[in-house]
Amino acid sequence: MSLDKENKDRITKEFRIHPKDTGSSDVQIALLTARINEITKHLQVHIKDHHSRRGL
């Protein structure tokens, strides 16, 4: 349920401020938003997965 490397790289390249930027707030917010969206989609399919719901 975590983001794979390709998606992380794509999101980081899209929101980074300079070429080696991985920790700015823009990048962190984008990565957290993508992770929340992925977990939300998972929970819509797997309604009884309460452990993942706690992680949300």
N, C-alpha and C. Protein backbone atom coordinates (compact mmCIF):
# COMPACT_ATOMS: atom_id res chain seq x y z
N MET A 1 0.80 -1.19 0.00
CA MET A 1 0.00 0.00 0.00
C MET A 1 0.85 1.26 0.00
N SER A 2 2.12 1.12 -0.19
CA SER A 2 2.95 2.31 -0.28
C SER A 2 3.17 2.65 -1.75
N LEU A 3 3.64 3.84 -1.97
CA LEU A 3 3.89 4.26 -3.34
C LEU A 3 5.12 3.55 -3.88
N ASP A 4 5.07 3.15 -5.14
CA ASP A 4 6.25 2.52 -5.72
C ASP A 4 7.25 3.60 -6.15
N LYS A 5 8.44 3.17 -6.48
CA LYS A 5 9.53 4.11 -6.76
C LYS A 5 9.22 5.02 -7.95
N GLU A 6 8.57 4.50 -8.98
CA GLU A 6 8.27 5.31 -10.16
C GLU A 6 7.32 6.45 -9.81
N ASN A 7 6.29 6.15 -9.02
CA ASN A 7 5.34 7.20 -8.63
C ASN A 7 6.00 8.23 -7.73
N LYS A 8 6.83 7.79 -6.79
CA LYS A 8 7.54 8.73 -5.92
C LYS A 8 8.44 9.65 -6.73
N ASP A 9 9.17 9.06 -7.69
CA ASP A 9 10.06 9.87 -8.53
C ASP A 9 9.27 10.86 -9.36
N ARG A 10 8.15 10.43 -9.91
CA ARG A 10 7.33 11.31 -10.74
C ARG A 10 6.79 12.48 -9.93
N ILE A 11 6.29 12.19 -8.74
CA ILE A 11 5.74 13.24 -7.87
C ILE A 11 6.85 14.19 -7.42
N THR A 12 8.00 13.63 -7.05
CA THR A 12 9.12 14.46 -6.61
C THR A 12 9.57 15.39 -7.73
N LYS A 13 9.69 14.87 -8.95
CA LYS A 13 10.11 15.71 -10.08
C LYS A 13 9.09 16.80 -10.38
N GLU A 14 7.83 16.50 -10.18
CA GLU A 14 6.78 17.47 -10.49
C GLU A 14 6.75 18.63 -9.49
N PHE A 15 7.03 18.37 -8.22
CA PHE A 15 6.85 19.39 -7.19
C PHE A 15 8.15 19.92 -6.59
N ARG A 16 9.30 19.46 -7.05
CA ARG A 16 10.55 19.92 -6.46
C ARG A 16 10.87 21.36 -6.88
N ILE A 17 11.64 22.02 -6.03
CA ILE A 17 12.02 23.41 -6.28
C ILE A 17 13.35 23.48 -7.02
N HIS A 18 14.30 22.62 -6.67
CA HIS A 18 15.59 22.54 -7.35
C HIS A 18 15.89 21.07 -7.63
N PRO A 19 16.87 20.78 -8.47
CA PRO A 19 17.08 19.40 -8.94
C PRO A 19 17.25 18.33 -7.87
N LYS A 20 17.81 18.65 -6.71
CA LYS A 20 18.02 17.62 -5.68
C LYS A 20 17.04 17.76 -4.52
N ASP A 21 15.94 18.42 -4.75
CA ASP A 21 14.97 18.70 -3.69
C ASP A 21 14.07 17.49 -3.46
N THR A 22 14.13 16.93 -2.26
CA THR A 22 13.23 15.83 -1.90
C THR A 22 12.52 16.09 -0.59
N GLY A 23 12.91 17.12 0.14
CA GLY A 23 12.37 17.32 1.47
C GLY A 23 11.59 18.60 1.67
N SER A 24 11.38 19.38 0.61
CA SER A 24 10.63 20.62 0.79
C SER A 24 9.18 20.30 1.12
N SER A 25 8.51 21.26 1.69
CA SER A 25 7.13 21.01 2.11
C SER A 25 6.23 20.71 0.92
N ASP A 26 6.50 21.30 -0.24
CA ASP A 26 5.68 21.01 -1.42
C ASP A 26 5.77 19.53 -1.80
N VAL A 27 6.97 18.99 -1.80
CA VAL A 27 7.17 17.59 -2.15
C VAL A 27 6.55 16.68 -1.10
N GLN A 28 6.75 17.00 0.17
CA GLN A 28 6.21 16.17 1.24
C GLN A 28 4.69 16.15 1.22
N ILE A 29 4.06 17.30 0.99
CA ILE A 29 2.60 17.36 0.92
C ILE A 29 2.09 16.54 -0.26
N ALA A 30 2.76 16.64 -1.41
CA ALA A 30 2.34 15.89 -2.59
C ALA A 30 2.46 14.38 -2.36
N LEU A 31 3.54 13.95 -1.70
CA LEU A 31 3.72 12.52 -1.43
C LEU A 31 2.68 12.01 -0.43
N LEU A 32 2.41 12.79 0.61
CA LEU A 32 1.40 12.37 1.58
C LEU A 32 0.00 12.33 0.96
N THR A 33 -0.29 13.31 0.10
CA THR A 33 -1.59 13.33 -0.57
C THR A 33 -1.75 12.10 -1.46
N ALA A 34 -0.71 11.75 -2.20
CA ALA A 34 -0.77 10.56 -3.06
C ALA A 34 -0.96 9.30 -2.23
N ARG A 35 -0.28 9.23 -1.10
CA ARG A 35 -0.41 8.05 -0.23
C ARG A 35 -1.82 7.95 0.35
N ILE A 36 -2.38 9.08 0.78
CA ILE A 36 -3.74 9.09 1.32
C ILE A 36 -4.74 8.67 0.25
N ASN A 37 -4.56 9.17 -0.97
CA ASN A 37 -5.47 8.80 -2.07
C ASN A 37 -5.39 7.31 -2.37
N GLU A 38 -4.19 6.74 -2.31
CA GLU A 38 -4.02 5.31 -2.58
C GLU A 38 -4.69 4.47 -1.49
N ILE A 39 -4.52 4.86 -0.23
CA ILE A 39 -5.15 4.12 0.87
C ILE A 39 -6.67 4.25 0.80
N THR A 40 -7.15 5.43 0.43
CA THR A 40 -8.60 5.66 0.32
C THR A 40 -9.21 4.75 -0.74
N LYS A 41 -8.55 4.63 -1.90
CA LYS A 41 -9.04 3.73 -2.95
C LYS A 41 -9.05 2.28 -2.46
N HIS A 42 -8.01 1.90 -1.74
CA HIS A 42 -7.93 0.53 -1.20
C HIS A 42 -9.09 0.27 -0.24
N LEU A 43 -9.38 1.25 0.63
CA LEU A 43 -10.43 1.05 1.63
C LEU A 43 -11.83 1.03 1.01
N GLN A 44 -12.01 1.67 -0.13
CA GLN A 44 -13.30 1.62 -0.80
C GLN A 44 -13.57 0.21 -1.34
N VAL A 45 -12.53 -0.50 -1.71
CA VAL A 45 -12.67 -1.86 -2.22
C VAL A 45 -12.71 -2.86 -1.07
N HIS A 46 -11.84 -2.67 -0.08
CA HIS A 46 -11.71 -3.60 1.05
C HIS A 46 -12.29 -2.93 2.29
N ILE A 47 -13.59 -2.99 2.41
CA ILE A 47 -14.31 -2.26 3.45
C ILE A 47 -13.93 -2.73 4.85
N LYS A 48 -13.64 -4.01 5.02
CA LYS A 48 -13.39 -4.54 6.36
C LYS A 48 -11.91 -4.50 6.76
N ASP A 49 -11.09 -3.81 6.04
CA ASP A 49 -9.67 -3.71 6.35
C ASP A 49 -9.45 -2.59 7.37
N HIS A 50 -9.70 -2.91 8.62
CA HIS A 50 -9.65 -1.89 9.68
C HIS A 50 -8.22 -1.51 10.05
N HIS A 51 -7.26 -2.39 9.86
CA HIS A 51 -5.87 -2.07 10.18
C HIS A 51 -5.35 -0.97 9.24
N SER A 52 -5.68 -1.06 7.98
CA SER A 52 -5.26 -0.01 7.06
C SER A 52 -6.00 1.29 7.33
N ARG A 53 -7.23 1.18 7.77
CA ARG A 53 -8.00 2.38 8.09
C ARG A 53 -7.34 3.15 9.24
N ARG A 54 -6.77 2.42 10.20
CA ARG A 54 -6.06 3.08 11.30
C ARG A 54 -4.83 3.81 10.80
N GLY A 55 -4.18 3.27 9.78
CA GLY A 55 -3.01 3.90 9.21
C GLY A 55 -3.33 5.18 8.46
N LEU A 56 -4.57 5.32 8.07
CA LEU A 56 -4.99 6.51 7.34
C LEU A 56 -5.03 7.67 8.30
